[in-house]
Amino acid sequence: MGEKEKCEKQLIKEAKSGSVEAFEELIKQCQKKVFNIAYKMTGSYDDANELAQEAFIRAYKSINKFKGDSLFSTWIYRITTNVCLDELRKRKNQKVISINEDIKYNDEELKPQIKDESPGPEKIYERKEFKSLVKECIESLPPDYKTVIVLRDIEGFSYEEIAKIINCPEGTVKSRISRARKALREIFKNKKELFNEEYVK
């Protein structure tokens, strides 16, 4: 067991004993990712900030239920995803996810997970229109599909990690991602007259 794992286990032990300081140390390493997930699932800085705090509160209140069968960060991401899903399911009109937009959190700029190919000036308008349509398409996905698209295609988690985060078999994750991508392709197809052929493969 590495020093990091030993340190984490000790902090978890202290947090379970009621140490707020130990819990704060535990969340330092994952608070940016928690915020990022919440932001990309809700599309709102204010909502993401509120939901991230809710995730941390839930985690603190249920720290004694953490069995240590996964990384602490994975456990936190699972709670964050559940908090966001709860919120999305309450909404009648889901907000847009911002995929390529830089955001600020605690005065630090968080870079988008998707690589920007920096198109020339002649492509700016087309890229802007395309991004808007991509947002609309992702926005229209059911919450469960949106979750796996955000975790896999935007945040870059592995199938194994996603399985742990959403607490289901890896095979289910793969099939859900496949169905989600298929649903996105159908939405793209239905809007194909709005897309430049360059973007539709």
Protein backbone atom coordinates (compact mmCIF):
# COMPACT_ATOMS: atom_id res chain seq x y z
CA MET A 1 0.00 0.00 0.00
CA GLY A 2 1.41 3.38 -1.01
CA GLU A 3 1.80 6.41 1.22
CA LYS A 4 -1.15 8.08 -0.46
CA GLU A 5 -3.45 5.14 0.32
CA LYS A 6 -2.21 4.99 3.93
CA CYS A 7 -2.78 8.72 4.32
CA GLU A 8 -6.27 8.45 2.80
CA LYS A 9 -7.21 5.57 5.09
CA GLN A 10 -6.04 7.54 8.11
CA LEU A 11 -7.99 10.62 7.03
CA ILE A 12 -11.11 8.50 6.46
CA LYS A 13 -10.71 7.02 9.93
CA GLU A 14 -10.42 10.50 11.44
CA ALA A 15 -13.36 11.79 9.39
CA LYS A 16 -15.48 8.90 10.61
CA SER A 17 -14.59 9.99 14.13
CA GLY A 18 -16.02 13.42 13.37
CA SER A 19 -12.99 15.38 12.20
CA VAL A 20 -14.10 18.10 9.79
CA GLU A 21 -10.46 18.92 9.05
CA ALA A 22 -9.77 15.36 7.92
CA PHE A 23 -12.82 15.39 5.68
CA GLU A 24 -11.75 18.69 4.12
CA GLU A 25 -8.34 17.16 3.37
CA LEU A 26 -10.05 14.22 1.66
CA ILE A 27 -12.13 16.39 -0.64
CA LYS A 28 -9.28 18.72 -1.63
CA GLN A 29 -8.07 16.31 -4.30
CA CYS A 30 -11.46 15.81 -5.93
CA GLN A 31 -13.41 19.05 -5.42
CA LYS A 32 -12.56 20.43 -8.87
CA LYS A 33 -13.74 17.27 -10.61
CA VAL A 34 -16.91 17.23 -8.49
CA PHE A 35 -17.67 20.79 -9.56
CA ASN A 36 -16.81 19.98 -13.19
CA ILE A 37 -19.21 17.02 -13.27
CA ALA A 38 -21.99 19.07 -11.69
CA TYR A 39 -21.37 21.97 -14.06
CA LYS A 40 -21.45 19.85 -17.18
CA MET A 41 -24.56 18.02 -16.09
CA THR A 42 -26.48 21.19 -15.25
CA GLY A 43 -24.90 23.88 -17.45
CA SER A 44 -25.12 26.41 -14.63
CA TYR A 45 -22.30 27.74 -12.47
CA ASP A 46 -24.65 28.56 -9.61
CA ASP A 47 -26.42 25.20 -9.77
CA ALA A 48 -23.12 23.35 -10.00
CA ASN A 49 -21.72 25.19 -6.99
CA GLU A 50 -24.86 24.42 -4.98
CA LEU A 51 -24.98 20.76 -6.05
CA ALA A 52 -21.26 20.27 -5.38
CA GLN A 53 -21.79 21.58 -1.85
CA GLU A 54 -24.80 19.29 -1.47
CA ALA A 55 -22.66 16.34 -2.58
CA PHE A 56 -20.02 17.16 0.02
CA ILE A 57 -22.64 17.56 2.74
CA ARG A 58 -24.19 14.20 1.85
CA ALA A 59 -20.75 12.60 1.84
CA TYR A 60 -19.87 14.06 5.23
CA LYS A 61 -23.15 12.92 6.75
CA SER A 62 -22.74 9.40 5.38
CA ILE A 63 -18.95 8.99 5.76
CA ASN A 64 -19.51 6.14 8.22
CA LYS A 65 -21.22 4.20 5.42
CA PHE A 66 -18.09 4.37 3.26
CA LYS A 67 -16.70 0.83 3.34
CA GLY A 68 -13.47 1.52 1.49
CA ASP A 69 -14.21 -0.95 -1.32
CA SER A 70 -13.48 1.80 -3.85
CA LEU A 71 -11.41 4.97 -3.91
CA PHE A 72 -12.81 7.81 -1.83
CA SER A 73 -12.88 9.97 -4.97
CA THR A 74 -14.99 7.36 -6.80
CA TRP A 75 -17.43 7.36 -3.89
CA ILE A 76 -17.66 11.17 -4.01
CA TYR A 77 -18.22 11.14 -7.78
CA ARG A 78 -21.04 8.62 -7.30
CA ILE A 79 -22.71 10.89 -4.75
CA THR A 80 -22.23 13.90 -7.05
CA THR A 81 -23.78 12.06 -9.99
CA ASN A 82 -26.76 11.02 -7.85
CA VAL A 83 -27.25 14.57 -6.57
CA CYS A 84 -27.21 15.90 -10.13
CA LEU A 85 -29.59 13.20 -11.37
CA ASP A 86 -31.99 14.01 -8.54
CA GLU A 87 -31.92 17.65 -9.62
CA LEU A 88 -32.30 16.92 -13.34
CA ARG A 89 -35.26 14.67 -12.74
CA LYS A 90 -36.99 17.46 -10.84
CA ARG A 91 -36.71 19.85 -13.74
CA LYS A 92 -39.24 20.17 -16.51
CA ASN A 93 -36.83 22.04 -18.71
CA GLN A 94 -33.24 20.93 -18.46
CA LYS A 95 -30.56 23.55 -19.00
CA VAL A 96 -27.83 23.45 -21.60
CA ILE A 97 -24.51 21.74 -20.92
CA SER A 98 -21.49 23.86 -21.76
CA ILE A 99 -18.90 21.54 -23.27
CA ASN A 100 -16.03 23.69 -24.53
CA GLU A 101 -16.38 26.72 -22.30
CA ASP A 102 -13.72 27.51 -19.69
CA ILE A 103 -15.07 28.01 -16.20
CA LYS A 104 -13.69 29.46 -12.99
CA TYR A 105 -13.82 27.79 -9.59
CA ASN A 106 -12.13 29.25 -6.52
CA ASP A 107 -10.37 31.74 -8.82
CA GLU A 108 -8.82 28.89 -10.83
CA GLU A 109 -9.67 28.32 -14.47
CA LEU A 110 -10.85 24.83 -15.32
CA LYS A 111 -10.00 23.80 -18.86
CA PRO A 112 -12.53 21.87 -20.92
CA GLN A 113 -11.96 18.13 -21.26
CA ILE A 114 -12.58 18.16 -25.02
CA LYS A 115 -9.67 19.30 -27.16
CA ASP A 116 -10.25 22.51 -29.09
CA GLU A 117 -8.82 22.31 -32.58
CA SER A 118 -8.71 26.14 -32.84
CA PRO A 119 -10.41 26.63 -36.21
CA GLY A 120 -9.51 29.53 -38.46
CA PRO A 121 -11.68 32.65 -38.68
CA GLU A 122 -13.69 31.25 -41.59
CA LYS A 123 -14.81 28.36 -39.37
CA ILE A 124 -15.80 30.33 -36.27
CA TYR A 125 -19.41 30.84 -37.25
CA GLU A 126 -19.88 27.21 -38.27
CA ARG A 127 -18.23 26.01 -35.05
CA LYS A 128 -20.45 28.29 -32.98
CA GLU A 129 -23.57 26.99 -34.68
CA PHE A 130 -22.38 23.40 -34.32
CA LYS A 131 -21.62 23.78 -30.61
CA SER A 132 -25.06 25.24 -30.05
CA LEU A 133 -26.67 22.26 -31.76
CA VAL A 134 -24.52 19.77 -29.84
CA LYS A 135 -25.66 21.41 -26.60
CA GLU A 136 -29.28 21.14 -27.67
CA CYS A 137 -28.86 17.48 -28.55
CA ILE A 138 -27.18 16.56 -25.25
CA GLU A 139 -29.74 18.64 -23.39
CA SER A 140 -32.55 16.55 -24.85
CA LEU A 141 -31.11 13.24 -23.66
CA PRO A 142 -32.74 11.44 -20.71
CA PRO A 143 -30.79 12.01 -17.44
CA ASP A 144 -29.30 8.48 -17.38
CA TYR A 145 -27.97 8.87 -20.91
CA LYS A 146 -26.71 12.38 -20.21
CA THR A 147 -24.81 11.04 -17.19
CA VAL A 148 -22.83 8.42 -19.11
CA ILE A 149 -22.10 10.81 -21.99
CA VAL A 150 -20.75 13.41 -19.56
CA LEU A 151 -18.69 10.88 -17.61
CA ARG A 152 -17.31 9.03 -20.64
CA ASP A 153 -17.16 11.41 -23.60
CA ILE A 154 -16.66 14.70 -21.77
CA GLU A 155 -14.89 13.82 -18.52
CA GLY A 156 -13.01 10.83 -19.94
CA PHE A 157 -13.66 8.26 -17.21
CA SER A 158 -13.01 4.60 -18.08
CA TYR A 159 -15.87 2.09 -18.29
CA GLU A 160 -14.66 0.56 -15.02
CA GLU A 161 -14.65 3.92 -13.27
CA ILE A 162 -18.11 4.80 -14.56
CA ALA A 163 -19.41 1.41 -13.39
CA LYS A 164 -18.20 2.23 -9.88
CA ILE A 165 -19.51 5.79 -9.99
CA ILE A 166 -23.05 4.91 -11.10
CA ASN A 167 -22.96 1.59 -9.23
CA CYS A 168 -23.86 -0.82 -12.01
CA PRO A 169 -22.09 -3.58 -14.00
CA GLU A 170 -19.50 -2.55 -16.57
CA GLY A 171 -21.51 -4.31 -19.28
CA THR A 172 -24.51 -2.14 -18.42
CA VAL A 173 -22.32 0.96 -18.68
CA LYS A 174 -21.12 -0.04 -22.14
CA SER A 175 -24.62 -0.78 -23.41
CA ARG A 176 -26.00 2.44 -21.91
CA ILE A 177 -23.23 4.48 -23.53
CA SER A 178 -23.93 2.71 -26.81
CA ARG A 179 -27.65 3.51 -26.55
CA ALA A 180 -26.91 7.10 -25.54
CA ARG A 181 -24.61 7.61 -28.53
CA LYS A 182 -27.19 6.03 -30.81
CA ALA A 183 -29.83 8.39 -29.42
CA LEU A 184 -27.49 11.33 -30.07
CA ARG A 185 -26.90 10.15 -33.64
CA GLU A 186 -30.66 10.01 -34.19
CA ILE A 187 -31.02 13.54 -32.86
CA PHE A 188 -28.18 14.67 -35.13
CA LYS A 189 -29.85 12.95 -38.05
CA ASN A 190 -33.15 14.70 -37.36
CA LYS A 191 -31.33 18.03 -37.32
CA LYS A 192 -29.00 17.26 -40.21
CA GLU A 193 -30.27 20.15 -42.30
CA LEU A 194 -28.78 22.45 -39.66
CA PHE A 195 -25.38 20.80 -39.70
CA ASN A 196 -22.55 21.43 -42.09
CA GLU A 197 -21.63 18.17 -43.87
CA GLU A 198 -18.11 18.61 -42.55
CA TYR A 199 -19.33 17.76 -39.05
CA VAL A 200 -21.65 14.88 -39.89
CA LYS A 201 -19.73 11.66 -40.50
